Amino acid sequence: MAVATAPKPAQKLKLKPLGSRVVVKALEREEITKSGIVLPDTAKEKPQEGKVLAVGPGDRHPDTGERIPVELKEGDRILFQKYAGTEFKLDDEELLILSEKDVLAQVEN
């Protein structure tokens, strides 16, 4: 008899980026080409697409001191510059902190 188990709840990210920075999980590219050739790790390009996991509060306006909100929100899929940001590992997960300026576009469904 099979027992149904509840799915694991999404774990809250333990980081809150500062200013206009965002925490991103890079989405891996296909490892097999359309013709069926398997690409080794050394031949793969660095991913440029990711999912936003956390968003900072935004930078302050230099004259008024008011916050300028970040245009992105958690869950957005984005395209970012190839060598932008700082890579780090948190709980065995490879993440990236980017400035909002390094984000090129938002991917719409």
N, C-alpha and C. Protein backbone atom coordinates (compact mmCIF):
# COMPACT_ATOMS: atom_id res chain seq x y z
N MET A 1 0.84 -1.18 0.00
CA MET A 1 0.00 0.00 0.00
C MET A 1 0.89 1.25 0.00
N ALA A 2 0.67 2.13 -0.94
CA ALA A 2 1.47 3.35 -1.05
C ALA A 2 0.92 4.42 -0.13
N VAL A 3 1.84 5.14 0.48
CA VAL A 3 1.44 6.21 1.39
C VAL A 3 1.79 7.54 0.74
N ALA A 4 0.82 8.41 0.64
CA ALA A 4 1.06 9.74 0.06
C ALA A 4 1.75 10.62 1.09
N THR A 5 2.75 11.35 0.63
CA THR A 5 3.45 12.28 1.52
C THR A 5 3.24 13.69 1.00
N ALA A 6 3.18 14.61 1.91
CA ALA A 6 2.99 16.01 1.54
C ALA A 6 4.27 16.54 0.93
N PRO A 7 4.17 17.40 -0.09
CA PRO A 7 5.37 17.98 -0.66
C PRO A 7 6.07 18.87 0.37
N LYS A 8 7.40 18.96 0.23
CA LYS A 8 8.16 19.82 1.14
C LYS A 8 7.78 21.27 0.94
N PRO A 9 7.57 22.03 2.01
CA PRO A 9 7.26 23.45 1.83
C PRO A 9 8.50 24.18 1.33
N ALA A 10 8.27 25.20 0.53
CA ALA A 10 9.39 26.00 0.01
C ALA A 10 10.11 26.65 1.19
N GLN A 11 11.43 26.50 1.18
CA GLN A 11 12.22 27.05 2.27
C GLN A 11 12.47 28.53 2.04
N LYS A 12 12.28 29.32 3.06
CA LYS A 12 12.50 30.76 2.98
C LYS A 12 13.99 31.02 2.86
N LEU A 13 14.37 31.88 1.93
CA LEU A 13 15.78 32.22 1.72
C LEU A 13 16.30 32.98 2.93
N LYS A 14 17.48 32.64 3.37
CA LYS A 14 18.05 33.24 4.58
C LYS A 14 18.80 34.53 4.30
N LEU A 15 18.65 35.11 3.14
CA LEU A 15 19.35 36.35 2.79
C LEU A 15 18.37 37.45 2.44
N LYS A 16 18.75 38.67 2.72
CA LYS A 16 17.99 39.84 2.27
C LYS A 16 19.00 40.75 1.60
N PRO A 17 19.00 40.84 0.27
CA PRO A 17 19.97 41.70 -0.40
C PRO A 17 19.76 43.17 -0.06
N LEU A 18 20.83 43.92 -0.12
CA LEU A 18 20.79 45.35 0.19
C LEU A 18 20.68 46.17 -1.08
N GLY A 19 20.16 47.37 -0.96
CA GLY A 19 20.07 48.30 -2.09
C GLY A 19 19.26 47.71 -3.23
N SER A 20 19.78 47.90 -4.44
CA SER A 20 19.06 47.43 -5.63
C SER A 20 19.63 46.11 -6.13
N ARG A 21 20.02 45.25 -5.20
CA ARG A 21 20.57 43.95 -5.58
C ARG A 21 19.47 42.88 -5.51
N VAL A 22 19.69 41.79 -6.28
CA VAL A 22 18.78 40.66 -6.28
C VAL A 22 19.58 39.37 -6.14
N VAL A 23 18.99 38.37 -5.48
CA VAL A 23 19.59 37.05 -5.39
C VAL A 23 18.93 36.18 -6.45
N VAL A 24 19.76 35.51 -7.26
CA VAL A 24 19.27 34.77 -8.41
C VAL A 24 19.79 33.34 -8.37
N LYS A 25 18.95 32.40 -8.75
CA LYS A 25 19.35 31.01 -8.98
C LYS A 25 19.46 30.85 -10.48
N ALA A 26 20.69 30.64 -10.99
CA ALA A 26 20.89 30.50 -12.43
C ALA A 26 20.24 29.21 -12.92
N LEU A 27 19.57 29.31 -14.06
CA LEU A 27 18.93 28.14 -14.67
C LEU A 27 19.94 27.52 -15.63
N GLU A 28 20.16 26.22 -15.46
CA GLU A 28 21.13 25.52 -16.29
C GLU A 28 20.63 25.37 -17.72
N ARG A 29 21.57 25.41 -18.64
CA ARG A 29 21.23 25.21 -20.05
C ARG A 29 21.17 23.72 -20.36
N GLU A 30 20.64 23.42 -21.51
CA GLU A 30 20.56 22.03 -21.97
C GLU A 30 21.96 21.43 -22.05
N GLU A 31 22.11 20.18 -21.64
CA GLU A 31 23.39 19.50 -21.72
C GLU A 31 23.53 18.70 -23.01
N ILE A 32 22.43 18.58 -23.77
CA ILE A 32 22.44 17.85 -25.02
C ILE A 32 22.00 18.79 -26.13
N THR A 33 22.74 18.82 -27.22
CA THR A 33 22.38 19.67 -28.34
C THR A 33 21.17 19.09 -29.05
N LYS A 34 20.59 19.85 -29.98
CA LYS A 34 19.42 19.39 -30.72
C LYS A 34 19.72 18.13 -31.53
N SER A 35 20.99 17.99 -31.94
CA SER A 35 21.35 16.80 -32.72
C SER A 35 21.69 15.61 -31.84
N GLY A 36 21.61 15.76 -30.49
CA GLY A 36 21.82 14.65 -29.59
C GLY A 36 23.22 14.52 -29.03
N ILE A 37 24.08 15.52 -29.27
CA ILE A 37 25.44 15.47 -28.76
C ILE A 37 25.45 15.95 -27.31
N VAL A 38 26.05 15.17 -26.43
CA VAL A 38 26.14 15.53 -25.02
C VAL A 38 27.35 16.45 -24.83
N LEU A 39 27.12 17.60 -24.21
CA LEU A 39 28.19 18.57 -24.00
C LEU A 39 28.87 18.33 -22.65
N PRO A 40 30.20 18.28 -22.62
CA PRO A 40 30.90 18.18 -21.35
C PRO A 40 30.84 19.52 -20.60
N ASP A 41 31.11 19.48 -19.29
CA ASP A 41 31.05 20.70 -18.49
C ASP A 41 31.96 21.79 -19.03
N THR A 42 33.10 21.43 -19.58
CA THR A 42 34.05 22.43 -20.07
C THR A 42 33.56 23.15 -21.31
N ALA A 43 32.65 22.55 -22.05
CA ALA A 43 32.15 23.16 -23.29
C ALA A 43 30.89 23.98 -23.08
N LYS A 44 30.30 23.88 -21.90
CA LYS A 44 29.06 24.61 -21.65
C LYS A 44 29.34 26.09 -21.42
N GLU A 45 28.43 26.91 -21.88
CA GLU A 45 28.52 28.34 -21.62
C GLU A 45 27.94 28.64 -20.25
N LYS A 46 28.41 29.73 -19.68
CA LYS A 46 27.88 30.16 -18.38
C LYS A 46 26.41 30.55 -18.56
N PRO A 47 25.52 30.10 -17.66
CA PRO A 47 24.10 30.44 -17.81
C PRO A 47 23.88 31.95 -17.71
N GLN A 48 22.92 32.44 -18.47
CA GLN A 48 22.57 33.85 -18.44
C GLN A 48 21.11 34.06 -18.09
N GLU A 49 20.42 32.99 -17.74
CA GLU A 49 19.02 33.08 -17.38
C GLU A 49 18.88 32.56 -15.96
N GLY A 50 17.99 33.20 -15.20
CA GLY A 50 17.82 32.78 -13.82
C GLY A 50 16.46 33.15 -13.27
N LYS A 51 16.25 32.70 -12.02
CA LYS A 51 15.01 32.98 -11.31
C LYS A 51 15.35 33.81 -10.09
N VAL A 52 14.62 34.90 -9.88
CA VAL A 52 14.85 35.80 -8.75
C VAL A 52 14.32 35.15 -7.47
N LEU A 53 15.19 35.01 -6.47
CA LEU A 53 14.80 34.41 -5.19
C LEU A 53 14.54 35.45 -4.11
N ALA A 54 15.25 36.59 -4.17
CA ALA A 54 15.07 37.66 -3.18
C ALA A 54 15.42 39.00 -3.81
N VAL A 55 14.77 40.05 -3.35
CA VAL A 55 14.95 41.39 -3.91
C VAL A 55 15.22 42.37 -2.77
N GLY A 56 16.20 43.25 -2.97
CA GLY A 56 16.51 44.28 -1.99
C GLY A 56 15.47 45.39 -2.02
N PRO A 57 15.53 46.31 -1.05
CA PRO A 57 14.54 47.38 -0.96
C PRO A 57 14.70 48.47 -2.01
N GLY A 58 15.85 48.54 -2.68
CA GLY A 58 16.10 49.58 -3.67
C GLY A 58 17.08 50.61 -3.15
N ASP A 59 17.69 51.35 -4.07
CA ASP A 59 18.63 52.41 -3.71
C ASP A 59 17.87 53.65 -3.26
N ARG A 60 18.60 54.54 -2.63
CA ARG A 60 18.00 55.83 -2.23
C ARG A 60 18.31 56.89 -3.27
N HIS A 61 17.34 57.77 -3.51
CA HIS A 61 17.53 58.89 -4.43
C HIS A 61 18.57 59.83 -3.81
N PRO A 62 19.58 60.27 -4.58
CA PRO A 62 20.65 61.08 -4.00
C PRO A 62 20.19 62.43 -3.44
N ASP A 63 19.12 63.01 -3.98
CA ASP A 63 18.68 64.33 -3.51
C ASP A 63 17.63 64.24 -2.40
N THR A 64 16.64 63.37 -2.60
CA THR A 64 15.52 63.32 -1.65
C THR A 64 15.69 62.26 -0.56
N GLY A 65 16.51 61.26 -0.81
CA GLY A 65 16.69 60.19 0.17
C GLY A 65 15.58 59.15 0.14
N GLU A 66 14.60 59.31 -0.76
CA GLU A 66 13.51 58.34 -0.86
C GLU A 66 13.99 57.08 -1.58
N ARG A 67 13.40 55.95 -1.22
CA ARG A 67 13.75 54.68 -1.87
C ARG A 67 13.23 54.64 -3.30
N ILE A 68 14.07 54.17 -4.20
CA ILE A 68 13.66 53.90 -5.58
C ILE A 68 13.47 52.39 -5.65
N PRO A 69 12.23 51.90 -5.72
CA PRO A 69 12.00 50.46 -5.64
C PRO A 69 12.60 49.70 -6.83
N VAL A 70 12.98 48.46 -6.58
CA VAL A 70 13.50 47.58 -7.62
C VAL A 70 12.32 47.11 -8.47
N GLU A 71 12.50 47.05 -9.78
CA GLU A 71 11.41 46.69 -10.69
C GLU A 71 11.10 45.19 -10.70
N LEU A 72 12.01 44.38 -10.17
CA LEU A 72 11.82 42.93 -10.17
C LEU A 72 11.14 42.47 -8.89
N LYS A 73 10.59 41.25 -8.95
CA LYS A 73 9.99 40.66 -7.75
C LYS A 73 10.41 39.19 -7.68
N GLU A 74 10.23 38.59 -6.52
CA GLU A 74 10.57 37.19 -6.35
C GLU A 74 9.79 36.33 -7.33
N GLY A 75 10.47 35.35 -7.92
CA GLY A 75 9.83 34.46 -8.87
C GLY A 75 10.00 34.86 -10.32
N ASP A 76 10.44 36.10 -10.60
CA ASP A 76 10.63 36.54 -11.98
C ASP A 76 11.76 35.76 -12.64
N ARG A 77 11.59 35.44 -13.93
CA ARG A 77 12.68 34.87 -14.73
C ARG A 77 13.34 36.01 -15.45
N ILE A 78 14.68 36.03 -15.41
CA ILE A 78 15.42 37.16 -15.97
C ILE A 78 16.58 36.69 -16.84
N LEU A 79 17.05 37.58 -17.69
CA LEU A 79 18.29 37.41 -18.43
C LEU A 79 19.28 38.42 -17.85
N PHE A 80 20.52 37.96 -17.61
CA PHE A 80 21.51 38.87 -17.03
C PHE A 80 22.82 38.78 -17.80
N GLN A 81 23.69 39.75 -17.57
CA GLN A 81 24.97 39.79 -18.25
C GLN A 81 25.80 38.56 -17.91
N LYS A 82 26.57 38.09 -18.87
CA LYS A 82 27.27 36.81 -18.76
C LYS A 82 28.18 36.71 -17.54
N TYR A 83 28.99 37.70 -17.27
CA TYR A 83 29.96 37.61 -16.18
C TYR A 83 29.63 38.58 -15.05
N ALA A 84 28.37 38.89 -14.88
CA ALA A 84 27.94 39.85 -13.86
C ALA A 84 27.74 39.16 -12.52
N GLY A 85 27.78 39.93 -11.46
CA GLY A 85 27.41 39.45 -10.14
C GLY A 85 28.50 38.71 -9.40
N THR A 86 28.13 38.26 -8.22
CA THR A 86 29.03 37.51 -7.35
C THR A 86 28.40 36.15 -7.06
N GLU A 87 29.14 35.09 -7.39
CA GLU A 87 28.64 33.74 -7.16
C GLU A 87 28.99 33.31 -5.74
N PHE A 88 28.10 32.56 -5.10
CA PHE A 88 28.36 32.03 -3.77
C PHE A 88 27.51 30.80 -3.55
N LYS A 89 27.82 30.06 -2.51
CA LYS A 89 27.10 28.84 -2.19
C LYS A 89 26.41 29.02 -0.84
N LEU A 90 25.12 28.68 -0.76
CA LEU A 90 24.37 28.76 0.47
C LEU A 90 23.57 27.46 0.61
N ASP A 91 23.83 26.71 1.67
CA ASP A 91 23.15 25.42 1.89
C ASP A 91 23.28 24.51 0.66
N ASP A 92 24.49 24.39 0.14
CA ASP A 92 24.80 23.54 -1.01
C ASP A 92 24.06 23.94 -2.28
N GLU A 93 23.66 25.19 -2.39
CA GLU A 93 22.97 25.69 -3.58
C GLU A 93 23.78 26.84 -4.16
N GLU A 94 24.08 26.76 -5.45
CA GLU A 94 24.84 27.80 -6.14
C GLU A 94 23.91 28.99 -6.44
N LEU A 95 24.24 30.16 -5.90
CA LEU A 95 23.43 31.36 -6.10
C LEU A 95 24.29 32.49 -6.63
N LEU A 96 23.66 33.57 -7.00
CA LEU A 96 24.32 34.72 -7.59
C LEU A 96 23.65 35.98 -7.05
N ILE A 97 24.46 36.97 -6.64
CA ILE A 97 23.92 38.28 -6.27
C ILE A 97 24.26 39.24 -7.39
N LEU A 98 23.23 39.87 -7.95
CA LEU A 98 23.38 40.81 -9.06
C LEU A 98 22.86 42.17 -8.67
N SER A 99 23.43 43.19 -9.28
CA SER A 99 22.87 44.53 -9.18
C SER A 99 21.73 44.60 -10.20
N GLU A 100 20.73 45.40 -9.91
CA GLU A 100 19.61 45.54 -10.85
C GLU A 100 20.12 46.02 -12.22
N LYS A 101 21.22 46.76 -12.24
CA LYS A 101 21.77 47.26 -13.50
C LYS A 101 22.31 46.14 -14.39
N ASP A 102 22.66 45.00 -13.78
CA ASP A 102 23.20 43.86 -14.55
C ASP A 102 22.11 43.00 -15.18
N VAL A 103 20.86 43.26 -14.83
CA VAL A 103 19.74 42.51 -15.40
C VAL A 103 19.39 43.14 -16.73
N LEU A 104 19.37 42.31 -17.79
CA LEU A 104 19.12 42.82 -19.14
C LEU A 104 17.64 42.83 -19.50
N ALA A 105 16.91 41.80 -19.05
CA ALA A 105 15.51 41.69 -19.44
C ALA A 105 14.77 40.75 -18.49
N GLN A 106 13.47 40.90 -18.48
CA GLN A 106 12.60 40.01 -17.74
C GLN A 106 11.92 39.09 -18.77
N VAL A 107 11.95 37.78 -18.53
CA VAL A 107 11.35 36.81 -19.45
C VAL A 107 9.88 36.67 -19.09
N GLU A 108 9.01 36.93 -20.07
CA GLU A 108 7.58 36.81 -19.83
C GLU A 108 7.09 35.48 -20.36
N ASN A 109 6.11 34.92 -19.70
CA ASN A 109 5.56 33.61 -20.13
C ASN A 109 4.56 33.80 -21.23
